[in-house]
Amino acid sequence: MKELIQGLDGPRTAQQELFYDLEDAAAVIGWSVVELTTLAANGRTPDDAVALMKICALLAVQQEKMGAYAGEVKEQRIVRSEAP
């Protein structure tokens, strides 16, 4: 495994930071959708379930956007010149 990781030491570029931040955010949103969907399925009231499902739908749309932005960063269509 060590031989596969050679040459990857050192700081990330601003572009790499942006890509990984976007991928991480999309993953957290995806996890949230799964957890909230489970809560909605076990909702105490129909109103709770409906509210949670609306949140899930909104988060799923945001997850898709974040994934698309990460793809644009990877393709260098979105460029960050320096890390924050």
PDB file of N, CA and C in Angstrom:
ATOM      1  N   MET A   1       0.820  -1.192   0.000  1.00  0.00           N
ATOM      2  CA  MET A   1       0.000   0.000   0.000  1.00  0.00           C
ATOM      3  C   MET A   1       0.862   1.254   0.000  1.00  0.00           C
ATOM      4  N   LYS A   2       1.971   1.212   0.737  1.00  0.00           N
ATOM      5  CA  LYS A   2       2.830   2.389   0.835  1.00  0.00           C
ATOM      6  C   LYS A   2       3.307   2.854  -0.535  1.00  0.00           C
ATOM      7  N   GLU A   3       3.615   1.911  -1.428  1.00  0.00           N
ATOM      8  CA  GLU A   3       4.101   2.282  -2.760  1.00  0.00           C
ATOM      9  C   GLU A   3       3.029   2.971  -3.600  1.00  0.00           C
ATOM     10  N   LEU A   4       1.754   2.738  -3.291  1.00  0.00           N
ATOM     11  CA  LEU A   4       0.668   3.393  -4.022  1.00  0.00           C
ATOM     12  C   LEU A   4       0.487   4.847  -3.612  1.00  0.00           C
ATOM     13  N   ILE A   5       0.980   5.187  -2.447  1.00  0.00           N
ATOM     14  CA  ILE A   5       0.757   6.520  -1.912  1.00  0.00           C
ATOM     15  C   ILE A   5       1.959   7.443  -2.137  1.00  0.00           C
ATOM     16  N   GLN A   6       3.009   6.979  -2.735  1.00  0.00           N
ATOM     17  CA  GLN A   6       4.202   7.790  -2.959  1.00  0.00           C
ATOM     18  C   GLN A   6       3.884   9.004  -3.817  1.00  0.00           C
ATOM     19  N   GLY A   7       4.533  10.112  -3.499  1.00  0.00           N
ATOM     20  CA  GLY A   7       4.369  11.330  -4.279  1.00  0.00           C
ATOM     21  C   GLY A   7       3.124  12.124  -3.943  1.00  0.00           C
ATOM     22  N   LEU A   8       2.386  11.697  -2.936  1.00  0.00           N
ATOM     23  CA  LEU A   8       1.153  12.402  -2.576  1.00  0.00           C
ATOM     24  C   LEU A   8       1.318  13.261  -1.321  1.00  0.00           C
ATOM     25  N   ASP A   9       2.546  13.330  -0.798  1.00  0.00           N
ATOM     26  CA  ASP A   9       2.760  14.128   0.402  1.00  0.00           C
ATOM     27  C   ASP A   9       2.819  15.603   0.026  1.00  0.00           C
ATOM     28  N   GLY A  10       2.703  16.423   1.012  1.00  0.00           N
ATOM     29  CA  GLY A  10       2.709  17.865   0.775  1.00  0.00           C
ATOM     30  C   GLY A  10       1.310  18.428   0.842  1.00  0.00           C
ATOM     31  N   PRO A  11       1.227  19.737   0.839  1.00  0.00           N
ATOM     32  CA  PRO A  11      -0.096  20.369   0.961  1.00  0.00           C
ATOM     33  C   PRO A  11      -0.930  20.189  -0.310  1.00  0.00           C
ATOM     34  N   ARG A  12      -2.216  20.199  -0.112  1.00  0.00           N
ATOM     35  CA  ARG A  12      -3.133  20.140  -1.246  1.00  0.00           C
ATOM     36  C   ARG A  12      -3.173  21.506  -1.914  1.00  0.00           C
ATOM     37  N   THR A  13      -3.467  21.486  -3.191  1.00  0.00           N
ATOM     38  CA  THR A  13      -3.670  22.750  -3.887  1.00  0.00           C
ATOM     39  C   THR A  13      -5.053  23.286  -3.516  1.00  0.00           C
ATOM     40  N   ALA A  14      -5.279  24.560  -3.803  1.00  0.00           N
ATOM     41  CA  ALA A  14      -6.589  25.155  -3.540  1.00  0.00           C
ATOM     42  C   ALA A  14      -7.669  24.407  -4.312  1.00  0.00           C
ATOM     43  N   GLN A  15      -7.332  23.977  -5.515  1.00  0.00           N
ATOM     44  CA  GLN A  15      -8.279  23.239  -6.347  1.00  0.00           C
ATOM     45  C   GLN A  15      -8.633  21.897  -5.706  1.00  0.00           C
ATOM     46  N   GLN A  16      -7.636  21.203  -5.185  1.00  0.00           N
ATOM     47  CA  GLN A  16      -7.883  19.928  -4.524  1.00  0.00           C
ATOM     48  C   GLN A  16      -8.723  20.120  -3.269  1.00  0.00           C
ATOM     49  N   GLU A  17      -8.425  21.138  -2.498  1.00  0.00           N
ATOM     50  CA  GLU A  17      -9.205  21.426  -1.290  1.00  0.00           C
ATOM     51  C   GLU A  17     -10.673  21.646  -1.635  1.00  0.00           C
ATOM     52  N   LEU A  18     -10.927  22.434  -2.675  1.00  0.00           N
ATOM     53  CA  LEU A  18     -12.300  22.706  -3.085  1.00  0.00           C
ATOM     54  C   LEU A  18     -13.005  21.422  -3.505  1.00  0.00           C
ATOM     55  N   PHE A  19     -12.345  20.608  -4.296  1.00  0.00           N
ATOM     56  CA  PHE A  19     -12.933  19.348  -4.754  1.00  0.00           C
ATOM     57  C   PHE A  19     -13.292  18.458  -3.570  1.00  0.00           C
ATOM     58  N   TYR A  20     -12.346  18.257  -2.658  1.00  0.00           N
ATOM     59  CA  TYR A  20     -12.602  17.374  -1.519  1.00  0.00           C
ATOM     60  C   TYR A  20     -13.644  17.952  -0.574  1.00  0.00           C
ATOM     61  N   ASP A  21     -13.661  19.260  -0.399  1.00  0.00           N
ATOM     62  CA  ASP A  21     -14.698  19.881   0.429  1.00  0.00           C
ATOM     63  C   ASP A  21     -16.082  19.644  -0.165  1.00  0.00           C
ATOM     64  N   LEU A  22     -16.201  19.800  -1.471  1.00  0.00           N
ATOM     65  CA  LEU A  22     -17.492  19.576  -2.130  1.00  0.00           C
ATOM     66  C   LEU A  22     -17.902  18.107  -2.056  1.00  0.00           C
ATOM     67  N   GLU A  23     -16.965  17.211  -2.275  1.00  0.00           N
ATOM     68  CA  GLU A  23     -17.285  15.786  -2.170  1.00  0.00           C
ATOM     69  C   GLU A  23     -17.711  15.418  -0.751  1.00  0.00           C
ATOM     70  N   ASP A  24     -17.014  15.958   0.241  1.00  0.00           N
ATOM     71  CA  ASP A  24     -17.373  15.690   1.637  1.00  0.00           C
ATOM     72  C   ASP A  24     -18.766  16.211   1.957  1.00  0.00           C
ATOM     73  N   ALA A  25     -19.071  17.428   1.504  1.00  0.00           N
ATOM     74  CA  ALA A  25     -20.394  18.003   1.758  1.00  0.00           C
ATOM     75  C   ALA A  25     -21.484  17.156   1.115  1.00  0.00           C
ATOM     76  N   ALA A  26     -21.258  16.700  -0.097  1.00  0.00           N
ATOM     77  CA  ALA A  26     -22.241  15.848  -0.778  1.00  0.00           C
ATOM     78  C   ALA A  26     -22.443  14.543  -0.018  1.00  0.00           C
ATOM     79  N   ALA A  27     -21.365  13.987   0.516  1.00  0.00           N
ATOM     80  CA  ALA A  27     -21.474  12.737   1.276  1.00  0.00           C
ATOM     81  C   ALA A  27     -22.270  12.933   2.561  1.00  0.00           C
ATOM     82  N   VAL A  28     -22.034  14.035   3.253  1.00  0.00           N
ATOM     83  CA  VAL A  28     -22.769  14.321   4.487  1.00  0.00           C
ATOM     84  C   VAL A  28     -24.251  14.529   4.181  1.00  0.00           C
ATOM     85  N   ILE A  29     -24.535  15.220   3.108  1.00  0.00           N
ATOM     86  CA  ILE A  29     -25.935  15.425   2.716  1.00  0.00           C
ATOM     87  C   ILE A  29     -26.578  14.080   2.384  1.00  0.00           C
ATOM     88  N   GLY A  30     -25.871  13.235   1.658  1.00  0.00           N
ATOM     89  CA  GLY A  30     -26.405  11.913   1.328  1.00  0.00           C
ATOM     90  C   GLY A  30     -26.699  11.096   2.568  1.00  0.00           C
ATOM     91  N   TRP A  31     -25.794  11.112   3.522  1.00  0.00           N
ATOM     92  CA  TRP A  31     -26.002  10.406   4.781  1.00  0.00           C
ATOM     93  C   TRP A  31     -27.227  10.971   5.500  1.00  0.00           C
ATOM     94  N   SER A  32     -27.365  12.297   5.508  1.00  0.00           N
ATOM     95  CA  SER A  32     -28.509  12.940   6.175  1.00  0.00           C
ATOM     96  C   SER A  32     -29.823  12.512   5.542  1.00  0.00           C
ATOM     97  N   VAL A  33     -29.835  12.415   4.228  1.00  0.00           N
ATOM     98  CA  VAL A  33     -31.056  11.992   3.527  1.00  0.00           C
ATOM     99  C   VAL A  33     -31.453  10.585   3.968  1.00  0.00           C
ATOM    100  N   VAL A  34     -30.492   9.694   4.048  1.00  0.00           N
ATOM    101  CA  VAL A  34     -30.776   8.311   4.461  1.00  0.00           C
ATOM    102  C   VAL A  34     -31.336   8.294   5.886  1.00  0.00           C
ATOM    103  N   GLU A  35     -30.671   9.010   6.788  1.00  0.00           N
ATOM    104  CA  GLU A  35     -31.112   9.027   8.181  1.00  0.00           C
ATOM    105  C   GLU A  35     -32.500   9.664   8.332  1.00  0.00           C
ATOM    106  N   LEU A  36     -32.730  10.770   7.650  1.00  0.00           N
ATOM    107  CA  LEU A  36     -34.027  11.444   7.746  1.00  0.00           C
ATOM    108  C   LEU A  36     -35.138  10.611   7.109  1.00  0.00           C
ATOM    109  N   THR A  37     -34.820   9.902   6.051  1.00  0.00           N
ATOM    110  CA  THR A  37     -35.815   9.032   5.424  1.00  0.00           C
ATOM    111  C   THR A  37     -36.238   7.937   6.393  1.00  0.00           C
ATOM    112  N   THR A  38     -35.277   7.389   7.107  1.00  0.00           N
ATOM    113  CA  THR A  38     -35.586   6.369   8.113  1.00  0.00           C
ATOM    114  C   THR A  38     -36.470   6.954   9.206  1.00  0.00           C
ATOM    115  N   LEU A  39     -36.139   8.158   9.667  1.00  0.00           N
ATOM    116  CA  LEU A  39     -36.964   8.817  10.676  1.00  0.00           C
ATOM    117  C   LEU A  39     -38.377   9.073  10.159  1.00  0.00           C
ATOM    118  N   ALA A  40     -38.476   9.479   8.909  1.00  0.00           N
ATOM    119  CA  ALA A  40     -39.797   9.754   8.328  1.00  0.00           C
ATOM    120  C   ALA A  40     -40.639   8.484   8.259  1.00  0.00           C
ATOM    121  N   ALA A  41     -39.992   7.376   7.922  1.00  0.00           N
ATOM    122  CA  ALA A  41     -40.719   6.104   7.844  1.00  0.00           C
ATOM    123  C   ALA A  41     -41.260   5.696   9.209  1.00  0.00           C
ATOM    124  N   ASN A  42     -40.572   6.122  10.256  1.00  0.00           N
ATOM    125  CA  ASN A  42     -40.996   5.791  11.615  1.00  0.00           C
ATOM    126  C   ASN A  42     -41.627   6.985  12.320  1.00  0.00           C
ATOM    127  N   GLY A  43     -42.079   7.964  11.529  1.00  0.00           N
ATOM    128  CA  GLY A  43     -42.636   9.196  12.088  1.00  0.00           C
ATOM    129  C   GLY A  43     -43.794   8.947  13.025  1.00  0.00           C
ATOM    130  N   ARG A  44     -43.862   9.754  14.053  1.00  0.00           N
ATOM    131  CA  ARG A  44     -44.935   9.600  15.048  1.00  0.00           C
ATOM    132  C   ARG A  44     -46.281  10.043  14.503  1.00  0.00           C
ATOM    133  N   THR A  45     -46.233  11.052  13.659  1.00  0.00           N
ATOM    134  CA  THR A  45     -47.485  11.528  13.068  1.00  0.00           C
ATOM    135  C   THR A  45     -47.286  11.663  11.559  1.00  0.00           C
ATOM    136  N   PRO A  46     -48.373  11.638  10.810  1.00  0.00           N
ATOM    137  CA  PRO A  46     -48.241  11.852   9.350  1.00  0.00           C
ATOM    138  C   PRO A  46     -47.602  13.204   9.023  1.00  0.00           C
ATOM    139  N   ASP A  47     -47.883  14.221   9.821  1.00  0.00           N
ATOM    140  CA  ASP A  47     -47.287  15.535   9.576  1.00  0.00           C
ATOM    141  C   ASP A  47     -45.768  15.500   9.752  1.00  0.00           C
ATOM    142  N   ASP A  48     -45.287  14.761  10.750  1.00  0.00           N
ATOM    143  CA  ASP A  48     -43.844  14.605  10.949  1.00  0.00           C
ATOM    144  C   ASP A  48     -43.213  13.940   9.732  1.00  0.00           C
ATOM    145  N   ALA A  49     -43.843  12.894   9.277  1.00  0.00           N
ATOM    146  CA  ALA A  49     -43.315  12.157   8.133  1.00  0.00           C
ATOM    147  C   ALA A  49     -43.267  13.033   6.882  1.00  0.00           C
ATOM    148  N   VAL A  50     -44.314  13.799   6.650  1.00  0.00           N
ATOM    149  CA  VAL A  50     -44.363  14.680   5.478  1.00  0.00           C
ATOM    150  C   VAL A  50     -43.274  15.739   5.562  1.00  0.00           C
ATOM    151  N   ALA A  51     -43.108  16.340   6.729  1.00  0.00           N
ATOM    152  CA  ALA A  51     -42.075  17.370   6.906  1.00  0.00           C
ATOM    153  C   ALA A  51     -40.683  16.795   6.667  1.00  0.00           C
ATOM    154  N   LEU A  52     -40.410  15.619   7.207  1.00  0.00           N
ATOM    155  CA  LEU A  52     -39.106  14.999   7.018  1.00  0.00           C
ATOM    156  C   LEU A  52     -38.869  14.621   5.560  1.00  0.00           C
ATOM    157  N   MET A  53     -39.882  14.157   4.880  1.00  0.00           N
ATOM    158  CA  MET A  53     -39.725  13.803   3.472  1.00  0.00           C
ATOM    159  C   MET A  53     -39.449  15.048   2.623  1.00  0.00           C
ATOM    160  N   LYS A  54     -40.054  16.181   2.972  1.00  0.00           N
ATOM    161  CA  LYS A  54     -39.768  17.428   2.254  1.00  0.00           C
ATOM    162  C   LYS A  54     -38.308  17.833   2.461  1.00  0.00           C
ATOM    163  N   ILE A  55     -37.830  17.705   3.696  1.00  0.00           N
ATOM    164  CA  ILE A  55     -36.427  18.011   3.984  1.00  0.00           C
ATOM    165  C   ILE A  55     -35.519  17.097   3.163  1.00  0.00           C
ATOM    166  N   CYS A  56     -35.860  15.824   3.105  1.00  0.00           N
ATOM    167  CA  CYS A  56     -35.057  14.868   2.329  1.00  0.00           C
ATOM    168  C   CYS A  56     -35.011  15.246   0.856  1.00  0.00           C
ATOM    169  N   ALA A  57     -36.144  15.645   0.322  1.00  0.00           N
ATOM    170  CA  ALA A  57     -36.187  16.030  -1.094  1.00  0.00           C
ATOM    171  C   ALA A  57     -35.295  17.247  -1.349  1.00  0.00           C
ATOM    172  N   LEU A  58     -35.350  18.231  -0.463  1.00  0.00           N
ATOM    173  CA  LEU A  58     -34.507  19.418  -0.609  1.00  0.00           C
ATOM    174  C   LEU A  58     -33.024  19.068  -0.485  1.00  0.00           C
ATOM    175  N   LEU A  59     -32.687  18.225   0.470  1.00  0.00           N
ATOM    176  CA  LEU A  59     -31.295  17.821   0.645  1.00  0.00           C
ATOM    177  C   LEU A  59     -30.785  17.019  -0.548  1.00  0.00           C
ATOM    178  N   ALA A  60     -31.633  16.172  -1.112  1.00  0.00           N
ATOM    179  CA  ALA A  60     -31.217  15.373  -2.263  1.00  0.00           C
ATOM    180  C   ALA A  60     -30.873  16.277  -3.453  1.00  0.00           C
ATOM    181  N   VAL A  61     -31.651  17.321  -3.650  1.00  0.00           N
ATOM    182  CA  VAL A  61     -31.356  18.278  -4.726  1.00  0.00           C
ATOM    183  C   VAL A  61     -30.014  18.956  -4.472  1.00  0.00           C
ATOM    184  N   GLN A  62     -29.764  19.351  -3.222  1.00  0.00           N
ATOM    185  CA  GLN A  62     -28.495  19.988  -2.884  1.00  0.00           C
ATOM    186  C   GLN A  62     -27.328  19.025  -3.064  1.00  0.00           C
ATOM    187  N   GLN A  63     -27.547  17.762  -2.721  1.00  0.00           N
ATOM    188  CA  GLN A  63     -26.503  16.752  -2.901  1.00  0.00           C
ATOM    189  C   GLN A  63     -26.124  16.647  -4.374  1.00  0.00           C
ATOM    190  N   GLU A  64     -27.104  16.624  -5.244  1.00  0.00           N
ATOM    191  CA  GLU A  64     -26.831  16.549  -6.678  1.00  0.00           C
ATOM    192  C   GLU A  64     -26.041  17.765  -7.146  1.00  0.00           C
ATOM    193  N   LYS A  65     -26.424  18.960  -6.657  1.00  0.00           N
ATOM    194  CA  LYS A  65     -25.704  20.182  -7.026  1.00  0.00           C
ATOM    195  C   LYS A  65     -24.246  20.120  -6.575  1.00  0.00           C
ATOM    196  N   MET A  66     -24.030  19.700  -5.331  1.00  0.00           N
ATOM    197  CA  MET A  66     -22.669  19.627  -4.804  1.00  0.00           C
ATOM    198  C   MET A  66     -21.840  18.626  -5.600  1.00  0.00           C
ATOM    199  N   GLY A  67     -22.446  17.504  -5.944  1.00  0.00           N
ATOM    200  CA  GLY A  67     -21.744  16.517  -6.757  1.00  0.00           C
ATOM    201  C   GLY A  67     -21.386  17.070  -8.130  1.00  0.00           C
ATOM    202  N   ALA A  68     -22.309  17.823  -8.713  1.00  0.00           N
ATOM    203  CA  ALA A  68     -22.043  18.439 -10.016  1.00  0.00           C
ATOM    204  C   ALA A  68     -20.929  19.476  -9.909  1.00  0.00           C
ATOM    205  N   TYR A  69     -20.947  20.273  -8.848  1.00  0.00           N
ATOM    206  CA  TYR A  69     -19.877  21.259  -8.645  1.00  0.00           C
ATOM    207  C   TYR A  69     -18.533  20.566  -8.477  1.00  0.00           C
ATOM    208  N   ALA A  70     -18.513  19.472  -7.728  1.00  0.00           N
ATOM    209  CA  ALA A  70     -17.261  18.722  -7.538  1.00  0.00           C
ATOM    210  C   ALA A  70     -16.750  18.213  -8.889  1.00  0.00           C
ATOM    211  N   GLY A  71     -17.656  17.751  -9.723  1.00  0.00           N
ATOM    212  CA  GLY A  71     -17.265  17.303 -11.061  1.00  0.00           C
ATOM    213  C   GLY A  71     -16.682  18.435 -11.891  1.00  0.00           C
ATOM    214  N   GLU A  72     -17.279  19.628 -11.790  1.00  0.00           N
ATOM    215  CA  GLU A  72     -16.764  20.784 -12.512  1.00  0.00           C
ATOM    216  C   GLU A  72     -15.383  21.185 -12.003  1.00  0.00           C
ATOM    217  N   VAL A  73     -15.168  21.068 -10.705  1.00  0.00           N
ATOM    218  CA  VAL A  73     -13.851  21.368 -10.142  1.00  0.00           C
ATOM    219  C   VAL A  73     -12.832  20.365 -10.674  1.00  0.00           C
ATOM    220  N   LYS A  74     -13.208  19.099 -10.673  1.00  0.00           N
ATOM    221  CA  LYS A  74     -12.301  18.051 -11.142  1.00  0.00           C
ATOM    222  C   LYS A  74     -11.935  18.260 -12.612  1.00  0.00           C
ATOM    223  N   GLU A  75     -12.905  18.716 -13.398  1.00  0.00           N
ATOM    224  CA  GLU A  75     -12.680  18.978 -14.825  1.00  0.00           C
ATOM    225  C   GLU A  75     -12.040  20.345 -15.057  1.00  0.00           C
ATOM    226  N   GLN A  76     -11.789  21.071 -13.981  1.00  0.00           N
ATOM    227  CA  GLN A  76     -11.189  22.402 -13.986  1.00  0.00           C
ATOM    228  C   GLN A  76     -12.049  23.439 -14.714  1.00  0.00           C
ATOM    229  N   ARG A  77     -13.354  23.251 -14.649  1.00  0.00           N
ATOM    230  CA  ARG A  77     -14.264  24.272 -15.170  1.00  0.00           C
ATOM    231  C   ARG A  77     -14.549  25.307 -14.092  1.00  0.00           C
ATOM    232  N   ILE A  78     -14.353  24.928 -12.829  1.00  0.00           N
ATOM    233  CA  ILE A  78     -14.387  25.851 -11.700  1.00  0.00           C
ATOM    234  C   ILE A  78     -12.988  25.823 -11.101  1.00  0.00           C
ATOM    235  N   VAL A  79     -12.380  26.977 -10.963  1.00  0.00           N
ATOM    236  CA  VAL A  79     -11.003  27.034 -10.503  1.00  0.00           C
ATOM    237  C   VAL A  79     -10.896  27.965  -9.295  1.00  0.00           C
ATOM    238  N   ARG A  80     -10.236  27.481  -8.265  1.00  0.00           N
ATOM    239  CA  ARG A  80      -9.937  28.311  -7.096  1.00  0.00           C
ATOM    240  C   ARG A  80      -8.443  28.584  -7.145  1.00  0.00           C
ATOM    241  N   SER A  81      -8.078  29.837  -7.046  1.00  0.00           N
ATOM    242  CA  SER A  81      -6.667  30.192  -7.201  1.00  0.00           C
ATOM    243  C   SER A  81      -5.843  29.983  -5.939  1.00  0.00           C
ATOM    244  N   GLU A  82      -6.462  30.117  -4.775  1.00  0.00           N
ATOM    245  CA  GLU A  82      -5.718  29.895  -3.527  1.00  0.00           C
ATOM    246  C   GLU A  82      -6.662  29.396  -2.451  1.00  0.00           C
ATOM    247  N   ALA A  83      -6.112  28.675  -1.512  1.00  0.00           N
ATOM    248  CA  ALA A  83      -6.907  28.115  -0.409  1.00  0.00           C
ATOM    249  C   ALA A  83      -7.324  29.234   0.526  1.00  0.00           C
ATOM    250  N   PRO A  84      -8.490  29.084   1.166  1.00  0.00           N
ATOM    251  CA  PRO A  84      -8.954  30.116   2.100  1.00  0.00           C
ATOM    252  C   PRO A  84      -8.108  30.175   3.344  1.00  0.00           C
TER     253      PRO A  84
END
